[in-house]
Amino acid sequence: MVIMGGLLKLILFCFCIYLLLKWLFKPVIQYFLKKAVNDFVKKNGGQFDPRYQHQSGRRPEQREGSINVDYVPPKKNDPKIPDNEGEYVDYVEIK
């Protein structure tokens, strides 16, 4: 009976420690994560801050289904290899 009482006290003690750590660590971890994110935003000039995203790169509204191409790369003058050049290799399946 004494062993069962000691075991019950141990389980209750572990459960209380678990709840205490859970309630204490959640705000502490949130604080440090928020601080790290704010430091990252300050370090990068605010370019990842959602409050400033609407100011940069604002485009006028377009009709649904319309296509707008901002950049077309220049065409290269690389000649294609003609079909008569090269080596033909016959495929043979080996079993």
PDB file of N, CA and C in Angstrom:
ATOM      1  N   MET A   1       0.816  -1.188   0.000  1.00  0.00           N
ATOM      2  CA  MET A   1       0.000   0.000   0.000  1.00  0.00           C
ATOM      3  C   MET A   1       0.863   1.258   0.000  1.00  0.00           C
ATOM      4  N   VAL A   2       1.982   1.185   0.726  1.00  0.00           N
ATOM      5  CA  VAL A   2       2.885   2.338   0.784  1.00  0.00           C
ATOM      6  C   VAL A   2       3.501   2.593  -0.579  1.00  0.00           C
ATOM      7  N   ILE A   3       3.815   1.523  -1.307  1.00  0.00           N
ATOM      8  CA  ILE A   3       4.407   1.671  -2.638  1.00  0.00           C
ATOM      9  C   ILE A   3       3.414   2.319  -3.585  1.00  0.00           C
ATOM     10  N   MET A   4       2.152   1.932  -3.522  1.00  0.00           N
ATOM     11  CA  MET A   4       1.130   2.519  -4.389  1.00  0.00           C
ATOM     12  C   MET A   4       0.951   3.991  -4.076  1.00  0.00           C
ATOM     13  N   GLY A   5       1.005   4.373  -2.801  1.00  0.00           N
ATOM     14  CA  GLY A   5       0.871   5.777  -2.430  1.00  0.00           C
ATOM     15  C   GLY A   5       2.051   6.589  -2.940  1.00  0.00           C
ATOM     16  N   GLY A   6       3.260   6.016  -2.850  1.00  0.00           N
ATOM     17  CA  GLY A   6       4.456   6.689  -3.357  1.00  0.00           C
ATOM     18  C   GLY A   6       4.427   6.828  -4.868  1.00  0.00           C
ATOM     19  N   LEU A   7       3.946   5.790  -5.542  1.00  0.00           N
ATOM     20  CA  LEU A   7       3.842   5.824  -6.997  1.00  0.00           C
ATOM     21  C   LEU A   7       2.814   6.860  -7.427  1.00  0.00           C
ATOM     22  N   LEU A   8       1.706   6.928  -6.735  1.00  0.00           N
ATOM     23  CA  LEU A   8       0.669   7.911  -7.042  1.00  0.00           C
ATOM     24  C   LEU A   8       1.191   9.325  -6.831  1.00  0.00           C
ATOM     25  N   LYS A   9       1.955   9.533  -5.739  1.00  0.00           N
ATOM     26  CA  LYS A   9       2.544  10.851  -5.489  1.00  0.00           C
ATOM     27  C   LYS A   9       3.541  11.221  -6.585  1.00  0.00           C
ATOM     28  N   LEU A  10       4.330  10.259  -7.060  1.00  0.00           N
ATOM     29  CA  LEU A  10       5.304  10.505  -8.120  1.00  0.00           C
ATOM     30  C   LEU A  10       4.608  10.884  -9.422  1.00  0.00           C
ATOM     31  N   ILE A  11       3.563  10.158  -9.759  1.00  0.00           N
ATOM     32  CA  ILE A  11       2.820  10.456 -10.985  1.00  0.00           C
ATOM     33  C   ILE A  11       2.172  11.832 -10.887  1.00  0.00           C
ATOM     34  N   LEU A  12       1.582  12.151  -9.760  1.00  0.00           N
ATOM     35  CA  LEU A  12       0.959  13.460  -9.559  1.00  0.00           C
ATOM     36  C   LEU A  12       2.005  14.573  -9.612  1.00  0.00           C
ATOM     37  N   PHE A  13       3.163  14.345  -8.998  1.00  0.00           N
ATOM     38  CA  PHE A  13       4.244  15.325  -9.013  1.00  0.00           C
ATOM     39  C   PHE A  13       4.746  15.560 -10.442  1.00  0.00           C
ATOM     40  N   CYS A  14       4.952  14.497 -11.214  1.00  0.00           N
ATOM     41  CA  CYS A  14       5.405  14.629 -12.605  1.00  0.00           C
ATOM     42  C   CYS A  14       4.366  15.364 -13.442  1.00  0.00           C
ATOM     43  N   PHE A  15       3.093  15.087 -13.219  1.00  0.00           N
ATOM     44  CA  PHE A  15       2.032  15.762 -13.963  1.00  0.00           C
ATOM     45  C   PHE A  15       2.004  17.256 -13.638  1.00  0.00           C
ATOM     46  N   CYS A  16       2.180  17.600 -12.364  1.00  0.00           N
ATOM     47  CA  CYS A  16       2.200  19.019 -11.964  1.00  0.00           C
ATOM     48  C   CYS A  16       3.408  19.736 -12.572  1.00  0.00           C
ATOM     49  N   ILE A  17       4.556  19.092 -12.583  1.00  0.00           N
ATOM     50  CA  ILE A  17       5.750  19.687 -13.200  1.00  0.00           C
ATOM     51  C   ILE A  17       5.526  19.867 -14.698  1.00  0.00           C
ATOM     52  N   TYR A  18       4.918  18.888 -15.338  1.00  0.00           N
ATOM     53  CA  TYR A  18       4.614  18.990 -16.769  1.00  0.00           C
ATOM     54  C   TYR A  18       3.723  20.187 -17.062  1.00  0.00           C
ATOM     55  N   LEU A  19       2.641  20.334 -16.305  1.00  0.00           N
ATOM     56  CA  LEU A  19       1.735  21.462 -16.519  1.00  0.00           C
ATOM     57  C   LEU A  19       2.419  22.802 -16.253  1.00  0.00           C
ATOM     58  N   LEU A  20       3.224  22.856 -15.203  1.00  0.00           N
ATOM     59  CA  LEU A  20       3.933  24.085 -14.873  1.00  0.00           C
ATOM     60  C   LEU A  20       4.897  24.476 -15.990  1.00  0.00           C
ATOM     61  N   LEU A  21       5.666  23.511 -16.479  1.00  0.00           N
ATOM     62  CA  LEU A  21       6.599  23.804 -17.562  1.00  0.00           C
ATOM     63  C   LEU A  21       5.863  24.184 -18.844  1.00  0.00           C
ATOM     64  N   LYS A  22       4.756  23.522 -19.114  1.00  0.00           N
ATOM     65  CA  LYS A  22       3.976  23.817 -20.314  1.00  0.00           C
ATOM     66  C   LYS A  22       3.444  25.249 -20.261  1.00  0.00           C
ATOM     67  N   TRP A  23       2.921  25.666 -19.133  1.00  0.00           N
ATOM     68  CA  TRP A  23       2.367  27.011 -19.006  1.00  0.00           C
ATOM     69  C   TRP A  23       3.451  28.086 -18.959  1.00  0.00           C
ATOM     70  N   LEU A  24       4.604  27.746 -18.421  1.00  0.00           N
ATOM     71  CA  LEU A  24       5.677  28.738 -18.339  1.00  0.00           C
ATOM     72  C   LEU A  24       6.469  28.854 -19.638  1.00  0.00           C
ATOM     73  N   PHE A  25       6.736  27.749 -20.299  1.00  0.00           N
ATOM     74  CA  PHE A  25       7.580  27.794 -21.479  1.00  0.00           C
ATOM     75  C   PHE A  25       6.872  28.331 -22.713  1.00  0.00           C
ATOM     76  N   LYS A  26       5.582  28.180 -22.817  1.00  0.00           N
ATOM     77  CA  LYS A  26       4.882  28.656 -24.000  1.00  0.00           C
ATOM     78  C   LYS A  26       5.043  30.168 -24.165  1.00  0.00           C
ATOM     79  N   PRO A  27       4.775  30.992 -23.155  1.00  0.00           N
ATOM     80  CA  PRO A  27       4.980  32.437 -23.345  1.00  0.00           C
ATOM     81  C   PRO A  27       6.457  32.805 -23.523  1.00  0.00           C
ATOM     82  N   VAL A  28       7.353  32.090 -22.871  1.00  0.00           N
ATOM     83  CA  VAL A  28       8.781  32.388 -22.998  1.00  0.00           C
ATOM     84  C   VAL A  28       9.252  32.095 -24.423  1.00  0.00           C
ATOM     85  N   ILE A  29       8.856  30.969 -24.962  1.00  0.00           N
ATOM     86  CA  ILE A  29       9.243  30.613 -26.323  1.00  0.00           C
ATOM     87  C   ILE A  29       8.627  31.585 -27.321  1.00  0.00           C
ATOM     88  N   GLN A  30       7.356  31.965 -27.120  1.00  0.00           N
ATOM     89  CA  GLN A  30       6.718  32.932 -28.008  1.00  0.00           C
ATOM     90  C   GLN A  30       7.445  34.272 -27.963  1.00  0.00           C
ATOM     91  N   TYR A  31       7.876  34.692 -26.795  1.00  0.00           N
ATOM     92  CA  TYR A  31       8.589  35.960 -26.664  1.00  0.00           C
ATOM     93  C   TYR A  31       9.901  35.923 -27.445  1.00  0.00           C
ATOM     94  N   PHE A  32      10.673  34.849 -27.281  1.00  0.00           N
ATOM     95  CA  PHE A  32      11.955  34.763 -27.967  1.00  0.00           C
ATOM     96  C   PHE A  32      11.794  34.621 -29.477  1.00  0.00           C
ATOM     97  N   LEU A  33      10.779  33.892 -29.928  1.00  0.00           N
ATOM     98  CA  LEU A  33      10.532  33.787 -31.363  1.00  0.00           C
ATOM     99  C   LEU A  33      10.122  35.126 -31.956  1.00  0.00           C
ATOM    100  N   LYS A  34       9.252  35.846 -31.253  1.00  0.00           N
ATOM    101  CA  LYS A  34       8.822  37.160 -31.729  1.00  0.00           C
ATOM    102  C   LYS A  34      10.005  38.123 -31.787  1.00  0.00           C
ATOM    103  N   LYS A  35      10.871  38.063 -30.785  1.00  0.00           N
ATOM    104  CA  LYS A  35      12.058  38.916 -30.750  1.00  0.00           C
ATOM    105  C   LYS A  35      13.002  38.559 -31.898  1.00  0.00           C
ATOM    106  N   ALA A  36      13.187  37.280 -32.172  1.00  0.00           N
ATOM    107  CA  ALA A  36      14.068  36.856 -33.264  1.00  0.00           C
ATOM    108  C   ALA A  36      13.519  37.306 -34.614  1.00  0.00           C
ATOM    109  N   VAL A  37      12.213  37.199 -34.802  1.00  0.00           N
ATOM    110  CA  VAL A  37      11.608  37.631 -36.064  1.00  0.00           C
ATOM    111  C   VAL A  37      11.742  39.143 -36.224  1.00  0.00           C
ATOM    112  N   ASN A  38      11.508  39.894 -35.169  1.00  0.00           N
ATOM    113  CA  ASN A  38      11.645  41.348 -35.250  1.00  0.00           C
ATOM    114  C   ASN A  38      13.088  41.751 -35.539  1.00  0.00           C
ATOM    115  N   ASP A  39      14.056  41.079 -34.939  1.00  0.00           N
ATOM    116  CA  ASP A  39      15.460  41.360 -35.225  1.00  0.00           C
ATOM    117  C   ASP A  39      15.795  41.050 -36.679  1.00  0.00           C
ATOM    118  N   PHE A  40      15.239  39.961 -37.204  1.00  0.00           N
ATOM    119  CA  PHE A  40      15.464  39.599 -38.600  1.00  0.00           C
ATOM    120  C   PHE A  40      14.886  40.649 -39.535  1.00  0.00           C
ATOM    121  N   VAL A  41      13.706  41.144 -39.207  1.00  0.00           N
ATOM    122  CA  VAL A  41      13.064  42.172 -40.036  1.00  0.00           C
ATOM    123  C   VAL A  41      13.884  43.456 -39.996  1.00  0.00           C
ATOM    124  N   LYS A  42      14.348  43.840 -38.828  1.00  0.00           N
ATOM    125  CA  LYS A  42      15.165  45.056 -38.723  1.00  0.00           C
ATOM    126  C   LYS A  42      16.474  44.895 -39.488  1.00  0.00           C
ATOM    127  N   LYS A  43      17.072  43.726 -39.411  1.00  0.00           N
ATOM    128  CA  LYS A  43      18.342  43.470 -40.081  1.00  0.00           C
ATOM    129  C   LYS A  43      18.189  43.553 -41.595  1.00  0.00           C
ATOM    130  N   ASN A  44      17.066  43.114 -42.123  1.00  0.00           N
ATOM    131  CA  ASN A  44      16.850  43.085 -43.563  1.00  0.00           C
ATOM    132  C   ASN A  44      16.104  44.309 -44.073  1.00  0.00           C
ATOM    133  N   GLY A  45      16.056  45.350 -43.311  1.00  0.00           N
ATOM    134  CA  GLY A  45      15.476  46.596 -43.785  1.00  0.00           C
ATOM    135  C   GLY A  45      13.973  46.583 -43.909  1.00  0.00           C
ATOM    136  N   GLY A  46      13.305  45.693 -43.276  1.00  0.00           N
ATOM    137  CA  GLY A  46      11.851  45.677 -43.292  1.00  0.00           C
ATOM    138  C   GLY A  46      11.246  45.116 -44.556  1.00  0.00           C
ATOM    139  N   GLN A  47      12.042  44.498 -45.411  1.00  0.00           N
ATOM    140  CA  GLN A  47      11.475  44.011 -46.666  1.00  0.00           C
ATOM    141  C   GLN A  47      10.556  42.811 -46.478  1.00  0.00           C
ATOM    142  N   PHE A  48      10.631  42.151 -45.322  1.00  0.00           N
ATOM    143  CA  PHE A  48       9.747  41.020 -45.053  1.00  0.00           C
ATOM    144  C   PHE A  48       8.601  41.397 -44.129  1.00  0.00           C
ATOM    145  N   ASP A  49       8.533  42.647 -43.746  1.00  0.00           N
ATOM    146  CA  ASP A  49       7.480  43.094 -42.839  1.00  0.00           C
ATOM    147  C   ASP A  49       6.176  43.230 -43.620  1.00  0.00           C
ATOM    148  N   PRO A  50       5.116  42.550 -43.227  1.00  0.00           N
ATOM    149  CA  PRO A  50       3.875  42.605 -44.008  1.00  0.00           C
ATOM    150  C   PRO A  50       3.256  43.994 -44.051  1.00  0.00           C
ATOM    151  N   ARG A  51       3.597  44.872 -43.112  1.00  0.00           N
ATOM    152  CA  ARG A  51       3.032  46.224 -43.142  1.00  0.00           C
ATOM    153  C   ARG A  51       3.551  47.036 -44.321  1.00  0.00           C
ATOM    154  N   TYR A  52       4.726  46.675 -44.828  1.00  0.00           N
ATOM    155  CA  TYR A  52       5.331  47.436 -45.915  1.00  0.00           C
ATOM    156  C   TYR A  52       5.233  46.736 -47.258  1.00  0.00           C
ATOM    157  N   GLN A  53       4.620  45.598 -47.318  1.00  0.00           N
ATOM    158  CA  GLN A  53       4.557  44.851 -48.567  1.00  0.00           C
ATOM    159  C   GLN A  53       3.616  45.509 -49.573  1.00  0.00           C
ATOM    160  N   HIS A  54       2.619  46.204 -49.118  1.00  0.00           N
ATOM    161  CA  HIS A  54       1.674  46.796 -50.051  1.00  0.00           C
ATOM    162  C   HIS A  54       2.256  48.005 -50.761  1.00  0.00           C
ATOM    163  N   GLN A  55       3.317  48.608 -50.237  1.00  0.00           N
ATOM    164  CA  GLN A  55       3.883  49.800 -50.845  1.00  0.00           C
ATOM    165  C   GLN A  55       4.794  49.480 -52.014  1.00  0.00           C
ATOM    166  N   SER A  56       5.516  48.393 -51.942  1.00  0.00           N
ATOM    167  CA  SER A  56       6.455  48.073 -53.009  1.00  0.00           C
ATOM    168  C   SER A  56       5.807  47.115 -53.998  1.00  0.00           C
ATOM    169  N   GLY A  57       6.056  47.356 -55.267  1.00  0.00           N
ATOM    170  CA  GLY A  57       5.569  46.444 -56.293  1.00  0.00           C
ATOM    171  C   GLY A  57       4.073  46.514 -56.517  1.00  0.00           C
ATOM    172  N   ARG A  58       3.486  47.636 -56.289  1.00  0.00           N
ATOM    173  CA  ARG A  58       2.041  47.758 -56.483  1.00  0.00           C
ATOM    174  C   ARG A  58       1.732  47.826 -57.967  1.00  0.00           C
ATOM    175  N   ARG A  59       0.844  47.018 -58.422  1.00  0.00           N
ATOM    176  CA  ARG A  59       0.473  46.981 -59.831  1.00  0.00           C
ATOM    177  C   ARG A  59      -0.983  47.394 -59.981  1.00  0.00           C
ATOM    178  N   PRO A  60      -1.310  47.998 -61.097  1.00  0.00           N
ATOM    179  CA  PRO A  60      -2.714  48.360 -61.313  1.00  0.00           C
ATOM    180  C   PRO A  60      -3.578  47.114 -61.478  1.00  0.00           C
ATOM    181  N   GLU A  61      -4.827  47.254 -61.165  1.00  0.00           N
ATOM    182  CA  GLU A  61      -5.757  46.135 -61.278  1.00  0.00           C
ATOM    183  C   GLU A  61      -5.921  45.746 -62.743  1.00  0.00           C
ATOM    184  N   GLN A  62      -5.981  44.450 -62.999  1.00  0.00           N
ATOM    185  CA  GLN A  62      -6.159  43.955 -64.352  1.00  0.00           C
ATOM    186  C   GLN A  62      -7.448  43.148 -64.417  1.00  0.00           C
ATOM    187  N   ARG A  63      -7.959  43.090 -65.621  1.00  0.00           N
ATOM    188  CA  ARG A  63      -9.136  42.292 -65.853  1.00  0.00           C
ATOM    189  C   ARG A  63      -8.804  40.820 -65.704  1.00  0.00           C
ATOM    190  N   GLU A  64      -9.750  40.024 -65.266  1.00  0.00           N
ATOM    191  CA  GLU A  64      -9.521  38.593 -65.120  1.00  0.00           C
ATOM    192  C   GLU A  64      -9.305  37.969 -66.491  1.00  0.00           C
ATOM    193  N   GLY A  65      -8.268  37.164 -66.604  1.00  0.00           N
ATOM    194  CA  GLY A  65      -7.971  36.491 -67.858  1.00  0.00           C
ATOM    195  C   GLY A  65      -6.979  37.240 -68.718  1.00  0.00           C
ATOM    196  N   SER A  66      -6.617  38.471 -68.370  1.00  0.00           N
ATOM    197  CA  SER A  66      -5.648  39.201 -69.177  1.00  0.00           C
ATOM    198  C   SER A  66      -4.240  38.765 -68.787  1.00  0.00           C
ATOM    199  N   ILE A  67      -3.332  38.869 -69.738  1.00  0.00           N
ATOM    200  CA  ILE A  67      -1.949  38.439 -69.525  1.00  0.00           C
ATOM    201  C   ILE A  67      -1.041  39.643 -69.700  1.00  0.00           C
ATOM    202  N   ASN A  68      -0.123  39.814 -68.753  1.00  0.00           N
ATOM    203  CA  ASN A  68       0.833  40.900 -68.821  1.00  0.00           C
ATOM    204  C   ASN A  68       2.225  40.303 -68.693  1.00  0.00           C
ATOM    205  N   VAL A  69       3.079  40.521 -69.684  1.00  0.00           N
ATOM    206  CA  VAL A  69       4.438  40.008 -69.664  1.00  0.00           C
ATOM    207  C   VAL A  69       5.360  41.161 -69.338  1.00  0.00           C
ATOM    208  N   ASP A  70       6.086  41.053 -68.208  1.00  0.00           N
ATOM    209  CA  ASP A  70       6.971  42.131 -67.788  1.00  0.00           C
ATOM    210  C   ASP A  70       8.331  42.059 -68.457  1.00  0.00           C
ATOM    211  N   TYR A  71       8.819  40.870 -68.747  1.00  0.00           N
ATOM    212  CA  TYR A  71      10.165  40.719 -69.271  1.00  0.00           C
ATOM    213  C   TYR A  71      10.195  39.596 -70.294  1.00  0.00           C
ATOM    214  N   VAL A  72      10.766  39.894 -71.441  1.00  0.00           N
ATOM    215  CA  VAL A  72      10.956  38.879 -72.466  1.00  0.00           C
ATOM    216  C   VAL A  72      12.455  38.774 -72.686  1.00  0.00           C
ATOM    217  N   PRO A  73      13.051  37.615 -72.425  1.00  0.00           N
ATOM    218  CA  PRO A  73      14.505  37.491 -72.593  1.00  0.00           C
ATOM    219  C   PRO A  73      14.893  37.614 -74.059  1.00  0.00           C
ATOM    220  N   PRO A  74      16.079  38.160 -74.326  1.00  0.00           N
ATOM    221  CA  PRO A  74      16.518  38.280 -75.727  1.00  0.00           C
ATOM    222  C   PRO A  74      16.772  36.900 -76.329  1.00  0.00           C
ATOM    223  N   LYS A  75      16.520  36.805 -77.635  1.00  0.00           N
ATOM    224  CA  LYS A  75      16.719  35.526 -78.315  1.00  0.00           C
ATOM    225  C   LYS A  75      18.202  35.329 -78.590  1.00  0.00           C
ATOM    226  N   LYS A  76      18.663  34.114 -78.382  1.00  0.00           N
ATOM    227  CA  LYS A  76      20.056  33.770 -78.665  1.00  0.00           C
ATOM    228  C   LYS A  76      20.162  33.279 -80.099  1.00  0.00           C
ATOM    229  N   ASN A  77      21.292  33.492 -80.694  1.00  0.00           N
ATOM    230  CA  ASN A  77      21.518  33.054 -82.066  1.00  0.00           C
ATOM    231  C   ASN A  77      22.287  31.749 -82.100  1.00  0.00           C
ATOM    232  N   ASP A  78      21.903  30.816 -81.239  1.00  0.00           N
ATOM    233  CA  ASP A  78      22.534  29.505 -81.222  1.00  0.00           C
ATOM    234  C   ASP A  78      21.919  28.639 -82.322  1.00  0.00           C
ATOM    235  N   PRO A  79      22.743  28.215 -83.286  1.00  0.00           N
ATOM    236  CA  PRO A  79      22.165  27.366 -84.345  1.00  0.00           C
ATOM    237  C   PRO A  79      21.856  25.976 -83.796  1.00  0.00           C
ATOM    238  N   LYS A  80      20.773  25.409 -84.271  1.00  0.00           N
ATOM    239  CA  LYS A  80      20.430  24.043 -83.887  1.00  0.00           C
ATOM    240  C   LYS A  80      21.303  23.070 -84.657  1.00  0.00           C
ATOM    241  N   ILE A  81      21.530  21.928 -84.082  1.00  0.00           N
ATOM    242  CA  ILE A  81      22.298  20.890 -84.777  1.00  0.00           C
ATOM    243  C   ILE A  81      21.367  20.230 -85.796  1.00  0.00           C
ATOM    244  N   PRO A  82      21.792  20.196 -87.054  1.00  0.00           N
ATOM    245  CA  PRO A  82      20.924  19.575 -88.066  1.00  0.00           C
ATOM    246  C   PRO A  82      20.743  18.083 -87.805  1.00  0.00           C
ATOM    247  N   ASP A  83      19.671  17.544 -88.352  1.00  0.00           N
ATOM    248  CA  ASP A  83      19.358  16.131 -88.148  1.00  0.00           C
ATOM    249  C   ASP A  83      20.379  15.204 -88.804  1.00  0.00           C
ATOM    250  N   ASN A  84      21.056  15.678 -89.860  1.00  0.00           N
ATOM    251  CA  ASN A  84      21.988  14.792 -90.545  1.00  0.00           C
ATOM    252  C   ASN A  84      23.336  14.715 -89.827  1.00  0.00           C
ATOM    253  N   GLU A  85      23.555  15.518 -88.814  1.00  0.00           N
ATOM    254  CA  GLU A  85      24.788  15.429 -88.046  1.00  0.00           C
ATOM    255  C   GLU A  85      24.542  14.572 -86.809  1.00  0.00           C
ATOM    256  N   GLY A  86      25.585  13.950 -86.333  1.00  0.00           N
ATOM    257  CA  GLY A  86      25.467  13.132 -85.140  1.00  0.00           C
ATOM    258  C   GLY A  86      25.580  11.661 -85.461  1.00  0.00           C
ATOM    259  N   GLU A  87      25.457  10.850 -84.460  1.00  0.00           N
ATOM    260  CA  GLU A  87      25.641   9.416 -84.620  1.00  0.00           C
ATOM    261  C   GLU A  87      24.360   8.709 -84.198  1.00  0.00           C
ATOM    262  N   TYR A  88      23.922   7.760 -85.020  1.00  0.00           N
ATOM    263  CA  TYR A  88      22.735   6.981 -84.705  1.00  0.00           C
ATOM    264  C   TYR A  88      23.162   5.736 -83.947  1.00  0.00           C
ATOM    265  N   VAL A  89      22.575   5.499 -82.804  1.00  0.00           N
ATOM    266  CA  VAL A  89      22.880   4.316 -82.013  1.00  0.00           C
ATOM    267  C   VAL A  89      21.625   3.469 -81.956  1.00  0.00           C
ATOM    268  N   ASP A  90      21.737   2.256 -82.461  1.00  0.00           N
ATOM    269  CA  ASP A  90      20.594   1.348 -82.466  1.00  0.00           C
ATOM    270  C   ASP A  90      20.411   0.794 -81.071  1.00  0.00           C
ATOM    271  N   TYR A  91      19.193   0.782 -80.599  1.00  0.00           N
ATOM    272  CA  TYR A  91      18.866   0.272 -79.261  1.00  0.00           C
ATOM    273  C   TYR A  91      18.630  -1.228 -79.327  1.00  0.00           C
ATOM    274  N   VAL A  92      19.374  -1.964 -78.514  1.00  0.00           N
ATOM    275  CA  VAL A  92      19.207  -3.409 -78.448  1.00  0.00           C
ATOM    276  C   VAL A  92      18.950  -3.786 -77.002  1.00  0.00           C
ATOM    277  N   GLU A  93      17.879  -4.474 -76.764  1.00  0.00           N
ATOM    278  CA  GLU A  93      17.531  -4.875 -75.401  1.00  0.00           C
ATOM    279  C   GLU A  93      18.263  -6.159 -75.071  1.00  0.00           C
ATOM    280  N   ILE A  94      18.967  -6.161 -73.944  1.00  0.00           N
ATOM    281  CA  ILE A  94      19.721  -7.338 -73.504  1.00  0.00           C
ATOM    282  C   ILE A  94      18.940  -7.987 -72.368  1.00  0.00           C
ATOM    283  N   LYS A  95      18.702  -9.292 -72.511  1.00  0.00           N
ATOM    284  CA  LYS A  95      17.943 -10.018 -71.479  1.00  0.00           C
ATOM    285  C   LYS A  95      18.839 -10.885 -70.682  1.00  0.00           C
TER     286      LYS A  95
END
